[in-house]
């Protein structure tokens, strides 16, 4: 519910989360914590029934101009009569626009069976499939679609609150086959990269004034796109080479620590970083002199490459 609310919030809407799961003692508190993290209101009532909570939440949303209401209802791996009666009453009395069945892709056949039973007894509009970090679990999506006839709407691809994506079967098929997913890659880049900052960077490249602060800013934008291995897997021709490849996500953290341990002058002009300065930076960042040397070498190579591109543009 929290991930869906964050996605809706990012689209300029004003969601309200409703804690209607009274079966699990910690469910309400968990949703309240998520609401605080996202700065999204959470409607809850102590010692009340789900139908009453949901009905009152709708009235609360109208008064507070919340234009999307998300009911977080009780879930079960195995169906029971009490749960189904509870959900049927909410559906009948409140007539929600969309009903999503949320299931864990790691539960395999149990998820498929639950989806089939829920659809038979309650009926729903789509499925949110969680823990789909590995594309090898794509079979769960195919099976649920086959037995219910209902589409997979969203997939959870990680634990963080921004790790929910709209489901595109053609893109998943491409990833499974190692063909990449260039459309999703472009969408992630558009969300993560600030256009104004990109234009500033372009001008600095043209003026040959690129510094390590700019390098750090670019790394931070890349991190916003998600895990590096996942991003690389979206590049056509690379996806099928990712199996067994160990991508060190901590390398970016080391690079960031090294740059932040430099002075302003050192970031603007890395050429002044001599041996003693490199030792100081290494000590301050908890890395080694070799790590500092590697970063400076990579940055120098990148600037050289950009100069070559600049020269090629002038010759065209």
C-alpha atoms as a PDB file:
ATOM      1  CA  UNK A   1       0.000   0.000   0.000  1.00  0.00           C
ATOM      2  CA  UNK A   2       2.834   2.376   0.852  1.00  0.00           C
ATOM      3  CA  UNK A   3       4.628   1.811  -2.457  1.00  0.00           C
ATOM      4  CA  UNK A   4       1.420   2.329  -4.419  1.00  0.00           C
ATOM      5  CA  UNK A   5       0.689   5.519  -2.471  1.00  0.00           C
ATOM      6  CA  UNK A   6       4.181   6.852  -3.238  1.00  0.00           C
ATOM      7  CA  UNK A   7       3.710   6.147  -6.947  1.00  0.00           C
ATOM      8  CA  UNK A   8       0.350   7.949  -6.929  1.00  0.00           C
ATOM      9  CA  UNK A   9       1.821  10.878  -4.974  1.00  0.00           C
ATOM     10  CA  UNK A  10       4.583  11.235  -7.585  1.00  0.00           C
ATOM     11  CA  UNK A  11       1.883  11.712 -10.234  1.00  0.00           C
ATOM     12  CA  UNK A  12       0.574  14.804  -8.464  1.00  0.00           C
ATOM     13  CA  UNK A  13      -2.365  13.173  -6.701  1.00  0.00           C
ATOM     14  CA  UNK A  14      -3.269  13.434  -3.013  1.00  0.00           C
ATOM     15  CA  UNK A  15      -3.643   9.892  -1.631  1.00  0.00           C
ATOM     16  CA  UNK A  16      -5.031   8.732   1.703  1.00  0.00           C
ATOM     17  CA  UNK A  17      -3.946   5.419   3.218  1.00  0.00           C
ATOM     18  CA  UNK A  18      -6.577   3.529   5.207  1.00  0.00           C
ATOM     19  CA  UNK A  19      -5.547   1.005   7.866  1.00  0.00           C
ATOM     20  CA  UNK A  20      -8.342  -1.547   7.436  1.00  0.00           C
ATOM     21  CA  UNK A  21      -6.349  -4.637   8.415  1.00  0.00           C
ATOM     22  CA  UNK A  22      -7.545  -5.307  11.963  1.00  0.00           C
ATOM     23  CA  UNK A  23      -6.386  -8.939  11.928  1.00  0.00           C
ATOM     24  CA  UNK A  24      -2.671  -8.290  12.413  1.00  0.00           C
ATOM     25  CA  UNK A  25      -1.855  -6.286  15.570  1.00  0.00           C
ATOM     26  CA  UNK A  26       1.153  -4.577  13.972  1.00  0.00           C
ATOM     27  CA  UNK A  27      -0.505  -3.779  10.623  1.00  0.00           C
ATOM     28  CA  UNK A  28      -1.902  -0.397  11.669  1.00  0.00           C
ATOM     29  CA  UNK A  29       1.361   0.754  13.236  1.00  0.00           C
ATOM     30  CA  UNK A  30       3.343  -0.353  10.182  1.00  0.00           C
ATOM     31  CA  UNK A  31       1.086   1.657   7.890  1.00  0.00           C
ATOM     32  CA  UNK A  32       1.315   4.707  10.163  1.00  0.00           C
ATOM     33  CA  UNK A  33       5.122   4.531  10.022  1.00  0.00           C
ATOM     34  CA  UNK A  34       5.028   4.306   6.223  1.00  0.00           C
ATOM     35  CA  UNK A  35       2.663   7.266   6.100  1.00  0.00           C
ATOM     36  CA  UNK A  36       5.072   9.355   8.175  1.00  0.00           C
ATOM     37  CA  UNK A  37       7.994   8.415   5.923  1.00  0.00           C
ATOM     38  CA  UNK A  38       6.046   9.395   2.802  1.00  0.00           C
ATOM     39  CA  UNK A  39       4.261  12.393   4.356  1.00  0.00           C
ATOM     40  CA  UNK A  40       0.934  10.793   3.404  1.00  0.00           C
ATOM     41  CA  UNK A  41      -1.994  10.793   5.877  1.00  0.00           C
ATOM     42  CA  UNK A  42      -3.156   7.469   7.312  1.00  0.00           C
ATOM     43  CA  UNK A  43      -6.745   7.029   8.491  1.00  0.00           C
ATOM     44  CA  UNK A  44      -7.236   4.524  11.321  1.00  0.00           C
ATOM     45  CA  UNK A  45      -9.645   3.745  14.137  1.00  0.00           C
ATOM     46  CA  UNK A  46      -9.039   1.794  17.313  1.00  0.00           C
ATOM     47  CA  UNK A  47     -11.317  -1.154  18.138  1.00  0.00           C
ATOM     48  CA  UNK A  48     -13.447  -0.823  15.024  1.00  0.00           C
ATOM     49  CA  UNK A  49     -14.623  -2.987  12.128  1.00  0.00           C
ATOM     50  CA  UNK A  50     -13.080  -2.792   8.617  1.00  0.00           C
ATOM     51  CA  UNK A  51     -16.317  -1.731   6.891  1.00  0.00           C
ATOM     52  CA  UNK A  52     -16.836   1.126   9.356  1.00  0.00           C
ATOM     53  CA  UNK A  53     -13.199   2.219   9.061  1.00  0.00           C
ATOM     54  CA  UNK A  54     -13.395   2.277   5.261  1.00  0.00           C
ATOM     55  CA  UNK A  55     -16.733   4.126   5.171  1.00  0.00           C
ATOM     56  CA  UNK A  56     -15.515   6.792   7.599  1.00  0.00           C
ATOM     57  CA  UNK A  57     -12.237   7.077   5.685  1.00  0.00           C
ATOM     58  CA  UNK A  58     -14.097   7.996   2.502  1.00  0.00           C
ATOM     59  CA  UNK A  59     -15.888  10.809   4.337  1.00  0.00           C
ATOM     60  CA  UNK A  60     -12.563  11.939   5.808  1.00  0.00           C
ATOM     61  CA  UNK A  61     -11.032  12.004   2.311  1.00  0.00           C
ATOM     62  CA  UNK A  62     -13.873  14.160   0.971  1.00  0.00           C
ATOM     63  CA  UNK A  63     -13.427  16.695   3.760  1.00  0.00           C
ATOM     64  CA  UNK A  64      -9.643  16.816   3.339  1.00  0.00           C
ATOM     65  CA  UNK A  65      -9.548  16.829  -0.497  1.00  0.00           C
ATOM     66  CA  UNK A  66      -7.764  13.484  -0.792  1.00  0.00           C
ATOM     67  CA  UNK A  67      -8.490  12.369  -4.358  1.00  0.00           C
ATOM     68  CA  UNK A  68      -7.263   8.752  -4.062  1.00  0.00           C
ATOM     69  CA  UNK A  69      -8.174   6.427  -1.179  1.00  0.00           C
ATOM     70  CA  UNK A  70      -6.174   3.219  -0.707  1.00  0.00           C
ATOM     71  CA  UNK A  71      -7.755   0.597   1.560  1.00  0.00           C
ATOM     72  CA  UNK A  72      -5.117  -1.672   3.094  1.00  0.00           C
ATOM     73  CA  UNK A  73      -7.237  -4.709   3.981  1.00  0.00           C
ATOM     74  CA  UNK A  74      -6.341  -7.980   5.675  1.00  0.00           C
ATOM     75  CA  UNK A  75      -4.605 -10.604   3.585  1.00  0.00           C
ATOM     76  CA  UNK A  76      -4.220 -14.365   3.806  1.00  0.00           C
ATOM     77  CA  UNK A  77      -2.151 -16.929   1.984  1.00  0.00           C
ATOM     78  CA  UNK A  78      -5.049 -19.348   2.383  1.00  0.00           C
ATOM     79  CA  UNK A  79      -8.660 -18.240   1.967  1.00  0.00           C
ATOM     80  CA  UNK A  80     -11.058 -18.240   4.929  1.00  0.00           C
ATOM     81  CA  UNK A  81     -14.770 -17.409   5.097  1.00  0.00           C
ATOM     82  CA  UNK A  82     -14.384 -14.549   7.581  1.00  0.00           C
ATOM     83  CA  UNK A  83     -11.924 -12.726   5.347  1.00  0.00           C
ATOM     84  CA  UNK A  84     -14.054 -13.142   2.238  1.00  0.00           C
ATOM     85  CA  UNK A  85     -17.210 -11.878   3.973  1.00  0.00           C
ATOM     86  CA  UNK A  86     -15.272  -8.848   5.198  1.00  0.00           C
ATOM     87  CA  UNK A  87     -13.965  -8.024   1.714  1.00  0.00           C
ATOM     88  CA  UNK A  88     -17.298  -8.667  -0.005  1.00  0.00           C
ATOM     89  CA  UNK A  89     -18.999  -6.228   2.361  1.00  0.00           C
ATOM     90  CA  UNK A  90     -16.424  -3.523   1.645  1.00  0.00           C
ATOM     91  CA  UNK A  91     -16.818  -4.082  -2.092  1.00  0.00           C
ATOM     92  CA  UNK A  92     -20.627  -4.027  -1.935  1.00  0.00           C
ATOM     93  CA  UNK A  93     -21.001  -0.984   0.324  1.00  0.00           C
ATOM     94  CA  UNK A  94     -18.176   1.226  -0.989  1.00  0.00           C
ATOM     95  CA  UNK A  95     -17.909   0.176  -4.660  1.00  0.00           C
ATOM     96  CA  UNK A  96     -14.158   0.806  -5.076  1.00  0.00           C
ATOM     97  CA  UNK A  97     -12.984   1.770  -8.563  1.00  0.00           C
ATOM     98  CA  UNK A  98     -10.152  -0.768  -8.515  1.00  0.00           C
ATOM     99  CA  UNK A  99      -9.487  -3.915  -6.473  1.00  0.00           C
ATOM    100  CA  UNK A 100      -5.953  -5.286  -6.518  1.00  0.00           C
ATOM    101  CA  UNK A 101      -4.886  -8.716  -5.347  1.00  0.00           C
ATOM    102  CA  UNK A 102      -1.403  -8.460  -3.809  1.00  0.00           C
ATOM    103  CA  UNK A 103       0.681 -11.615  -3.758  1.00  0.00           C
ATOM    104  CA  UNK A 104       4.244 -12.685  -3.087  1.00  0.00           C
ATOM    105  CA  UNK A 105       5.878 -14.154  -6.201  1.00  0.00           C
ATOM    106  CA  UNK A 106       8.149 -16.299  -4.011  1.00  0.00           C
ATOM    107  CA  UNK A 107       5.197 -18.360  -2.736  1.00  0.00           C
ATOM    108  CA  UNK A 108       4.875 -19.937  -6.177  1.00  0.00           C
ATOM    109  CA  UNK A 109       1.858 -22.188  -6.621  1.00  0.00           C
ATOM    110  CA  UNK A 110       0.267 -20.956  -3.377  1.00  0.00           C
ATOM    111  CA  UNK A 111       0.103 -17.464  -4.883  1.00  0.00           C
ATOM    112  CA  UNK A 112      -1.533 -18.845  -8.025  1.00  0.00           C
ATOM    113  CA  UNK A 113      -4.107 -20.828  -6.028  1.00  0.00           C
ATOM    114  CA  UNK A 114      -4.948 -17.838  -3.806  1.00  0.00           C
ATOM    115  CA  UNK A 115      -5.339 -15.563  -6.821  1.00  0.00           C
ATOM    116  CA  UNK A 116      -7.709 -18.023  -8.475  1.00  0.00           C
ATOM    117  CA  UNK A 117      -9.845 -18.391  -5.329  1.00  0.00           C
ATOM    118  CA  UNK A 118      -9.967 -14.650  -4.630  1.00  0.00           C
ATOM    119  CA  UNK A 119     -11.030 -13.944  -8.191  1.00  0.00           C
ATOM    120  CA  UNK A 120     -13.740 -16.610  -8.049  1.00  0.00           C
ATOM    121  CA  UNK A 121     -15.230 -15.436  -4.758  1.00  0.00           C
ATOM    122  CA  UNK A 122     -14.588 -11.686  -4.830  1.00  0.00           C
ATOM    123  CA  UNK A 123     -13.420 -10.655  -8.276  1.00  0.00           C
ATOM    124  CA  UNK A 124     -10.610  -8.168  -8.721  1.00  0.00           C
ATOM    125  CA  UNK A 125      -9.285  -5.859 -11.427  1.00  0.00           C
ATOM    126  CA  UNK A 126      -5.594  -6.651 -11.368  1.00  0.00           C
ATOM    127  CA  UNK A 127      -2.639  -8.099  -9.513  1.00  0.00           C
ATOM    128  CA  UNK A 128       0.301  -6.523  -7.704  1.00  0.00           C
ATOM    129  CA  UNK A 129       3.124  -9.054  -7.689  1.00  0.00           C
ATOM    130  CA  UNK A 130       5.796  -8.446  -5.039  1.00  0.00           C
ATOM    131  CA  UNK A 131       9.413  -9.627  -4.668  1.00  0.00           C
ATOM    132  CA  UNK A 132       9.967  -9.876  -8.393  1.00  0.00           C
ATOM    133  CA  UNK A 133      13.614  -8.809  -8.048  1.00  0.00           C
ATOM    134  CA  UNK A 134      14.768 -11.719 -10.205  1.00  0.00           C
ATOM    135  CA  UNK A 135      13.256 -12.117 -13.662  1.00  0.00           C
ATOM    136  CA  UNK A 136      13.382 -15.916 -13.267  1.00  0.00           C
ATOM    137  CA  UNK A 137      10.229 -15.516 -11.164  1.00  0.00           C
ATOM    138  CA  UNK A 138       8.347 -14.249 -14.205  1.00  0.00           C
ATOM    139  CA  UNK A 139       6.569 -17.608 -14.328  1.00  0.00           C
ATOM    140  CA  UNK A 140       4.351 -16.564 -11.415  1.00  0.00           C
ATOM    141  CA  UNK A 141       3.075 -13.617 -13.450  1.00  0.00           C
ATOM    142  CA  UNK A 142       2.277 -15.867 -16.407  1.00  0.00           C
ATOM    143  CA  UNK A 143       0.477 -18.434 -14.235  1.00  0.00           C
ATOM    144  CA  UNK A 144      -1.680 -15.897 -12.373  1.00  0.00           C
ATOM    145  CA  UNK A 145      -2.664 -14.226 -15.618  1.00  0.00           C
ATOM    146  CA  UNK A 146      -3.567 -17.626 -17.093  1.00  0.00           C
ATOM    147  CA  UNK A 147      -5.796 -18.823 -14.218  1.00  0.00           C
ATOM    148  CA  UNK A 148      -7.572 -15.521 -13.480  1.00  0.00           C
ATOM    149  CA  UNK A 149      -7.611 -13.759 -16.825  1.00  0.00           C
ATOM    150  CA  UNK A 150      -6.752 -10.567 -14.924  1.00  0.00           C
ATOM    151  CA  UNK A 151      -3.722  -8.414 -15.772  1.00  0.00           C
ATOM    152  CA  UNK A 152      -0.609  -7.944 -13.663  1.00  0.00           C
ATOM    153  CA  UNK A 153      -0.803  -4.203 -12.960  1.00  0.00           C
ATOM    154  CA  UNK A 154       2.307  -3.552 -10.871  1.00  0.00           C
ATOM    155  CA  UNK A 155       5.409  -5.430  -9.743  1.00  0.00           C
ATOM    156  CA  UNK A 156       7.500  -4.876  -6.631  1.00  0.00           C
ATOM    157  CA  UNK A 157      11.211  -5.160  -7.452  1.00  0.00           C
ATOM    158  CA  UNK A 158      12.801  -4.352  -4.106  1.00  0.00           C
ATOM    159  CA  UNK A 159      12.192  -3.415  -0.493  1.00  0.00           C
ATOM    160  CA  UNK A 160      12.467   0.375  -0.800  1.00  0.00           C
ATOM    161  CA  UNK A 161       9.281   2.399  -1.168  1.00  0.00           C
ATOM    162  CA  UNK A 162      10.139   3.519  -4.700  1.00  0.00           C
ATOM    163  CA  UNK A 163      10.630  -0.051  -5.944  1.00  0.00           C
ATOM    164  CA  UNK A 164       7.200  -0.491  -7.522  1.00  0.00           C
ATOM    165  CA  UNK A 165       6.782  -0.388 -11.291  1.00  0.00           C
ATOM    166  CA  UNK A 166       3.982  -0.692 -13.785  1.00  0.00           C
ATOM    167  CA  UNK A 167       4.094  -4.155 -15.322  1.00  0.00           C
ATOM    168  CA  UNK A 168       4.927  -4.429 -19.016  1.00  0.00           C
ATOM    169  CA  UNK A 169       4.918  -8.059 -20.224  1.00  0.00           C
ATOM    170  CA  UNK A 170       6.956  -7.312 -23.356  1.00  0.00           C
ATOM    171  CA  UNK A 171       9.675  -5.621 -21.312  1.00  0.00           C
ATOM    172  CA  UNK A 172       9.848  -8.488 -18.829  1.00  0.00           C
ATOM    173  CA  UNK A 173      10.108 -10.972 -21.687  1.00  0.00           C
ATOM    174  CA  UNK A 174      13.017  -8.977 -23.105  1.00  0.00           C
ATOM    175  CA  UNK A 175      14.803  -9.016 -19.742  1.00  0.00           C
ATOM    176  CA  UNK A 176      14.283 -12.763 -19.307  1.00  0.00           C
ATOM    177  CA  UNK A 177      15.704 -13.370 -22.784  1.00  0.00           C
ATOM    178  CA  UNK A 178      18.677 -11.092 -22.059  1.00  0.00           C
ATOM    179  CA  UNK A 179      17.596  -8.570 -24.694  1.00  0.00           C
ATOM    180  CA  UNK A 180      17.553  -5.599 -22.321  1.00  0.00           C
ATOM    181  CA  UNK A 181      14.756  -3.102 -21.728  1.00  0.00           C
ATOM    182  CA  UNK A 182      15.687   0.212 -23.292  1.00  0.00           C
ATOM    183  CA  UNK A 183      12.215   1.757 -22.782  1.00  0.00           C
ATOM    184  CA  UNK A 184      12.291   1.250 -18.998  1.00  0.00           C
ATOM    185  CA  UNK A 185      15.889   2.483 -18.943  1.00  0.00           C
ATOM    186  CA  UNK A 186      14.897   5.741 -20.653  1.00  0.00           C
ATOM    187  CA  UNK A 187      11.923   6.170 -18.289  1.00  0.00           C
ATOM    188  CA  UNK A 188      14.147   5.682 -15.244  1.00  0.00           C
ATOM    189  CA  UNK A 189      16.638   8.198 -16.616  1.00  0.00           C
ATOM    190  CA  UNK A 190      13.889  10.765 -17.189  1.00  0.00           C
ATOM    191  CA  UNK A 191      12.709  10.361 -13.586  1.00  0.00           C
ATOM    192  CA  UNK A 192      16.188  10.468 -12.035  1.00  0.00           C
ATOM    193  CA  UNK A 193      18.000  13.087 -14.108  1.00  0.00           C
ATOM    194  CA  UNK A 194      17.329  16.775 -13.549  1.00  0.00           C
ATOM    195  CA  UNK A 195      17.095  18.488 -16.954  1.00  0.00           C
ATOM    196  CA  UNK A 196      18.443  21.811 -15.673  1.00  0.00           C
ATOM    197  CA  UNK A 197      21.426  20.094 -14.047  1.00  0.00           C
ATOM    198  CA  UNK A 198      22.056  18.138 -17.251  1.00  0.00           C
ATOM    199  CA  UNK A 199      22.171  21.396 -19.224  1.00  0.00           C
ATOM    200  CA  UNK A 200      24.635  22.896 -16.718  1.00  0.00           C
ATOM    201  CA  UNK A 201      26.793  19.796 -17.057  1.00  0.00           C
ATOM    202  CA  UNK A 202      26.728  20.101 -20.846  1.00  0.00           C
ATOM    203  CA  UNK A 203      27.955  23.704 -20.636  1.00  0.00           C
ATOM    204  CA  UNK A 204      30.777  22.696 -18.283  1.00  0.00           C
ATOM    205  CA  UNK A 205      31.838  19.980 -20.699  1.00  0.00           C
ATOM    206  CA  UNK A 206      31.887  22.531 -23.515  1.00  0.00           C
ATOM    207  CA  UNK A 207      33.923  24.964 -21.380  1.00  0.00           C
ATOM    208  CA  UNK A 208      36.225  22.207 -20.069  1.00  0.00           C
ATOM    209  CA  UNK A 209      35.426  23.194 -16.459  1.00  0.00           C
ATOM    210  CA  UNK A 210      34.105  19.836 -15.275  1.00  0.00           C
ATOM    211  CA  UNK A 211      35.063  19.082 -11.661  1.00  0.00           C
ATOM    212  CA  UNK A 212      34.711  16.200  -9.242  1.00  0.00           C
ATOM    213  CA  UNK A 213      31.609  17.814  -7.706  1.00  0.00           C
ATOM    214  CA  UNK A 214      29.932  17.396 -11.097  1.00  0.00           C
ATOM    215  CA  UNK A 215      31.170  13.816 -11.273  1.00  0.00           C
ATOM    216  CA  UNK A 216      29.659  13.145  -7.840  1.00  0.00           C
ATOM    217  CA  UNK A 217      26.332  14.710  -8.856  1.00  0.00           C
ATOM    218  CA  UNK A 218      26.148  12.398 -11.883  1.00  0.00           C
ATOM    219  CA  UNK A 219      26.852   9.330  -9.746  1.00  0.00           C
ATOM    220  CA  UNK A 220      24.068  10.307  -7.353  1.00  0.00           C
ATOM    221  CA  UNK A 221      21.609  10.609 -10.236  1.00  0.00           C
ATOM    222  CA  UNK A 222      22.639   7.178 -11.507  1.00  0.00           C
ATOM    223  CA  UNK A 223      22.010   5.747  -8.021  1.00  0.00           C
ATOM    224  CA  UNK A 224      18.455   7.120  -8.158  1.00  0.00           C
ATOM    225  CA  UNK A 225      17.781   4.880 -11.154  1.00  0.00           C
ATOM    226  CA  UNK A 226      18.132   1.774  -8.978  1.00  0.00           C
ATOM    227  CA  UNK A 227      20.695  -0.972  -8.361  1.00  0.00           C
ATOM    228  CA  UNK A 228      23.546  -0.832 -10.894  1.00  0.00           C
ATOM    229  CA  UNK A 229      23.135  -4.484 -11.887  1.00  0.00           C
ATOM    230  CA  UNK A 230      19.471  -3.885 -12.649  1.00  0.00           C
ATOM    231  CA  UNK A 231      20.232  -0.780 -14.727  1.00  0.00           C
ATOM    232  CA  UNK A 232      22.964  -2.600 -16.668  1.00  0.00           C
ATOM    233  CA  UNK A 233      20.557  -5.468 -17.308  1.00  0.00           C
ATOM    234  CA  UNK A 234      18.260  -3.065 -19.178  1.00  0.00           C
ATOM    235  CA  UNK A 235      20.946  -2.251 -21.746  1.00  0.00           C
ATOM    236  CA  UNK A 236      20.470  -4.368 -24.905  1.00  0.00           C
ATOM    237  CA  UNK A 237      23.300  -6.847 -25.358  1.00  0.00           C
ATOM    238  CA  UNK A 238      24.351  -6.746 -21.714  1.00  0.00           C
ATOM    239  CA  UNK A 239      21.346  -8.370 -20.020  1.00  0.00           C
ATOM    240  CA  UNK A 240      22.263 -11.912 -21.079  1.00  0.00           C
ATOM    241  CA  UNK A 241      25.796 -11.441 -19.731  1.00  0.00           C
ATOM    242  CA  UNK A 242      24.682 -10.452 -16.213  1.00  0.00           C
ATOM    243  CA  UNK A 243      24.206 -13.978 -14.818  1.00  0.00           C
ATOM    244  CA  UNK A 244      26.878 -14.680 -12.246  1.00  0.00           C
ATOM    245  CA  UNK A 245      28.314 -11.171 -12.573  1.00  0.00           C
ATOM    246  CA  UNK A 246      29.118  -9.644  -9.186  1.00  0.00           C
ATOM    247  CA  UNK A 247      28.427  -5.905  -9.325  1.00  0.00           C
ATOM    248  CA  UNK A 248      29.942  -4.113  -6.328  1.00  0.00           C
ATOM    249  CA  UNK A 249      27.318  -1.535  -5.321  1.00  0.00           C
ATOM    250  CA  UNK A 250      29.639  -0.345  -2.539  1.00  0.00           C
ATOM    251  CA  UNK A 251      32.099   0.973  -5.118  1.00  0.00           C
ATOM    252  CA  UNK A 252      29.874   4.018  -5.644  1.00  0.00           C
ATOM    253  CA  UNK A 253      29.829   4.591  -1.890  1.00  0.00           C
ATOM    254  CA  UNK A 254      33.638   4.521  -1.825  1.00  0.00           C
ATOM    255  CA  UNK A 255      33.828   6.996  -4.708  1.00  0.00           C
ATOM    256  CA  UNK A 256      31.402   9.312  -2.927  1.00  0.00           C
ATOM    257  CA  UNK A 257      33.386   9.074   0.320  1.00  0.00           C
ATOM    258  CA  UNK A 258      36.651   9.881  -1.486  1.00  0.00           C
ATOM    259  CA  UNK A 259      35.239  12.972  -3.216  1.00  0.00           C
ATOM    260  CA  UNK A 260      33.592  14.265  -0.035  1.00  0.00           C
ATOM    261  CA  UNK A 261      36.946  14.008   1.773  1.00  0.00           C
ATOM    262  CA  UNK A 262      38.533  16.461  -0.671  1.00  0.00           C
ATOM    263  CA  UNK A 263      38.689  20.218  -0.241  1.00  0.00           C
ATOM    264  CA  UNK A 264      36.728  22.528  -2.534  1.00  0.00           C
ATOM    265  CA  UNK A 265      39.915  23.437  -4.437  1.00  0.00           C
ATOM    266  CA  UNK A 266      40.802  19.766  -4.887  1.00  0.00           C
ATOM    267  CA  UNK A 267      37.382  18.967  -6.328  1.00  0.00           C
ATOM    268  CA  UNK A 268      37.605  21.887  -8.760  1.00  0.00           C
ATOM    269  CA  UNK A 269      41.180  21.099  -9.784  1.00  0.00           C
ATOM    270  CA  UNK A 270      42.133  17.449  -9.114  1.00  0.00           C
ATOM    271  CA  UNK A 271      45.591  18.021 -10.656  1.00  0.00           C
ATOM    272  CA  UNK A 272      46.749  19.635  -7.390  1.00  0.00           C
ATOM    273  CA  UNK A 273      46.166  16.401  -5.452  1.00  0.00           C
ATOM    274  CA  UNK A 274      49.732  15.230  -4.827  1.00  0.00           C
ATOM    275  CA  UNK A 275      50.954  12.261  -2.798  1.00  0.00           C
ATOM    276  CA  UNK A 276      50.423  13.759   0.659  1.00  0.00           C
ATOM    277  CA  UNK A 277      46.976  15.039  -0.277  1.00  0.00           C
ATOM    278  CA  UNK A 278      46.017  11.593  -1.596  1.00  0.00           C
ATOM    279  CA  UNK A 279      47.041  10.014   1.694  1.00  0.00           C
ATOM    280  CA  UNK A 280      44.969  12.576   3.611  1.00  0.00           C
ATOM    281  CA  UNK A 281      41.918  11.953   1.399  1.00  0.00           C
ATOM    282  CA  UNK A 282      42.300   8.191   1.804  1.00  0.00           C
ATOM    283  CA  UNK A 283      42.505   8.507   5.588  1.00  0.00           C
ATOM    284  CA  UNK A 284      39.500  10.816   5.701  1.00  0.00           C
ATOM    285  CA  UNK A 285      37.326   8.584   3.516  1.00  0.00           C
ATOM    286  CA  UNK A 286      38.266   5.263   5.091  1.00  0.00           C
ATOM    287  CA  UNK A 287      39.691   4.032   1.787  1.00  0.00           C
ATOM    288  CA  UNK A 288      43.176   3.400   0.411  1.00  0.00           C
ATOM    289  CA  UNK A 289      45.526   5.541  -1.657  1.00  0.00           C
ATOM    290  CA  UNK A 290      44.951   3.023  -4.465  1.00  0.00           C
ATOM    291  CA  UNK A 291      41.208   3.830  -4.350  1.00  0.00           C
ATOM    292  CA  UNK A 292      41.981   7.548  -4.616  1.00  0.00           C
ATOM    293  CA  UNK A 293      44.409   6.946  -7.493  1.00  0.00           C
ATOM    294  CA  UNK A 294      41.834   4.840  -9.331  1.00  0.00           C
ATOM    295  CA  UNK A 295      39.156   7.519  -9.021  1.00  0.00           C
ATOM    296  CA  UNK A 296      41.478  10.286 -10.251  1.00  0.00           C
ATOM    297  CA  UNK A 297      42.576   8.111 -13.171  1.00  0.00           C
ATOM    298  CA  UNK A 298      38.959   7.367 -14.133  1.00  0.00           C
ATOM    299  CA  UNK A 299      38.019  11.035 -13.906  1.00  0.00           C
ATOM    300  CA  UNK A 300      40.997  12.053 -16.049  1.00  0.00           C
ATOM    301  CA  UNK A 301      40.088   9.437 -18.670  1.00  0.00           C
ATOM    302  CA  UNK A 302      36.483  10.632 -18.701  1.00  0.00           C
ATOM    303  CA  UNK A 303      37.531  14.257 -19.261  1.00  0.00           C
ATOM    304  CA  UNK A 304      39.877  13.186 -22.049  1.00  0.00           C
ATOM    305  CA  UNK A 305      37.076  11.264 -23.734  1.00  0.00           C
ATOM    306  CA  UNK A 306      34.731  14.241 -23.468  1.00  0.00           C
ATOM    307  CA  UNK A 307      37.372  16.493 -25.053  1.00  0.00           C
ATOM    308  CA  UNK A 308      37.575  14.081 -27.971  1.00  0.00           C
ATOM    309  CA  UNK A 309      33.799  14.218 -28.426  1.00  0.00           C
ATOM    310  CA  UNK A 310      33.966  18.000 -28.286  1.00  0.00           C
ATOM    311  CA  UNK A 311      36.670  18.019 -30.968  1.00  0.00           C
ATOM    312  CA  UNK A 312      34.656  15.677 -33.172  1.00  0.00           C
ATOM    313  CA  UNK A 313      31.607  17.946 -32.913  1.00  0.00           C
ATOM    314  CA  UNK A 314      33.644  20.942 -34.114  1.00  0.00           C
ATOM    315  CA  UNK A 315      35.005  19.015 -37.085  1.00  0.00           C
ATOM    316  CA  UNK A 316      31.533  17.995 -38.294  1.00  0.00           C
END
